[in-house]
C-alpha atoms as a PDB file:
ATOM      1  CA  MET A   1      27.655  28.965  -9.845  1.00  0.00           C
ATOM      2  CA  SER A   2      29.182  25.565 -10.558  1.00  0.00           C
ATOM      3  CA  LEU A   3      27.875  24.311  -7.212  1.00  0.00           C
ATOM      4  CA  LEU A   4      24.348  25.306  -8.217  1.00  0.00           C
ATOM      5  CA  SER A   5      24.609  23.609 -11.609  1.00  0.00           C
ATOM      6  CA  ARG A   6      25.950  20.408  -9.998  1.00  0.00           C
ATOM      7  CA  PHE A   7      23.072  20.481  -7.539  1.00  0.00           C
ATOM      8  CA  LEU A   8      20.503  20.831 -10.325  1.00  0.00           C
ATOM      9  CA  ARG A   9      22.054  17.962 -12.353  1.00  0.00           C
ATOM     10  CA  ASP A  10      22.268  15.602  -9.367  1.00  0.00           C
ATOM     11  CA  GLU A  11      19.505  12.968  -9.606  1.00  0.00           C
ATOM     12  CA  SER A  12      20.598  10.622  -6.813  1.00  0.00           C
ATOM     13  CA  GLY A  13      17.744  11.659  -4.525  1.00  0.00           C
ATOM     14  CA  ALA A  14      15.137  11.059  -7.216  1.00  0.00           C
ATOM     15  CA  THR A  15      15.491   7.294  -7.010  1.00  0.00           C
ATOM     16  CA  ALA A  16      14.853   7.316  -3.255  1.00  0.00           C
ATOM     17  CA  ILE A  17      11.676   9.321  -3.792  1.00  0.00           C
ATOM     18  CA  GLU A  18      10.577   6.954  -6.556  1.00  0.00           C
ATOM     19  CA  TYR A  19      11.145   3.915  -4.331  1.00  0.00           C
ATOM     20  CA  GLY A  20       9.156   5.616  -1.587  1.00  0.00           C
ATOM     21  CA  LEU A  21       6.254   6.267  -3.944  1.00  0.00           C
ATOM     22  CA  ILE A  22       6.320   2.660  -5.154  1.00  0.00           C
ATOM     23  CA  ALA A  23       6.317   1.378  -1.555  1.00  0.00           C
ATOM     24  CA  ALA A  24       3.411   3.678  -0.679  1.00  0.00           C
ATOM     25  CA  GLY A  25       1.434   2.462  -3.698  1.00  0.00           C
ATOM     26  CA  ILE A  26       2.027  -1.170  -2.806  1.00  0.00           C
ATOM     27  CA  SER A  27       0.992  -0.475   0.796  1.00  0.00           C
ATOM     28  CA  VAL A  28      -2.269   1.119  -0.299  1.00  0.00           C
ATOM     29  CA  ALA A  29      -3.014  -1.840  -2.579  1.00  0.00           C
ATOM     30  CA  ILE A  30      -2.327  -4.348   0.205  1.00  0.00           C
ATOM     31  CA  ILE A  31      -4.552  -2.444   2.648  1.00  0.00           C
ATOM     32  CA  ALA A  32      -7.393  -2.325   0.113  1.00  0.00           C
ATOM     33  CA  ILE A  33      -7.117  -6.061  -0.598  1.00  0.00           C
ATOM     34  CA  VAL A  34      -6.980  -7.001   3.100  1.00  0.00           C
ATOM     35  CA  ASN A  35     -10.028  -4.842   3.844  1.00  0.00           C
ATOM     36  CA  GLY A  36     -11.971  -6.494   1.027  1.00  0.00           C
ATOM     37  CA  ILE A  37     -11.005  -9.991   2.137  1.00  0.00           C
ATOM     38  CA  GLY A  38     -11.761  -9.123   5.769  1.00  0.00           C
ATOM     39  CA  ASP A  39     -15.317  -8.055   4.950  1.00  0.00           C
ATOM     40  CA  LYS A  40     -15.979 -11.237   2.955  1.00  0.00           C
ATOM     41  CA  LEU A  41     -14.420 -13.414   5.639  1.00  0.00           C
ATOM     42  CA  SER A  42     -16.494 -11.760   8.344  1.00  0.00           C
ATOM     43  CA  ALA A  43     -19.670 -12.344   6.338  1.00  0.00           C
ATOM     44  CA  THR A  44     -18.720 -15.996   5.826  1.00  0.00           C
ATOM     45  CA  PHE A  45     -18.102 -16.576   9.540  1.00  0.00           C
ATOM     46  CA  THR A  46     -21.366 -14.838  10.411  1.00  0.00           C
ATOM     47  CA  SER A  47     -23.233 -17.060   7.971  1.00  0.00           C
ATOM     48  CA  VAL A  48     -21.640 -20.220   9.346  1.00  0.00           C
ATOM     49  CA  SER A  49     -22.331 -19.098  12.914  1.00  0.00           C
ATOM     50  CA  THR A  50     -26.029 -18.471  12.245  1.00  0.00           C
ATOM     51  CA  GLN A  51     -26.396 -21.830  10.487  1.00  0.00           C
ATOM     52  CA  LEU A  52     -24.804 -23.704  13.407  1.00  0.00           C
ATOM     53  CA  ARG A  53     -27.133 -22.208  16.028  1.00  0.00           C
ATOM     54  CA  PRO A  54     -30.099 -24.401  16.987  1.00  0.00           C
END
């Protein structure tokens, strides 16, 4: 019984899960930003390319 109560009070694994969730959230934000910048950059290069053609 005391083993079960110690197990339920132990919160050491919770911090690892929290850090994992934070890392996943940051990763999703970075991917979203890079995708947005990539689309704008592609449009800019396409515009410059069409303006340089004779």
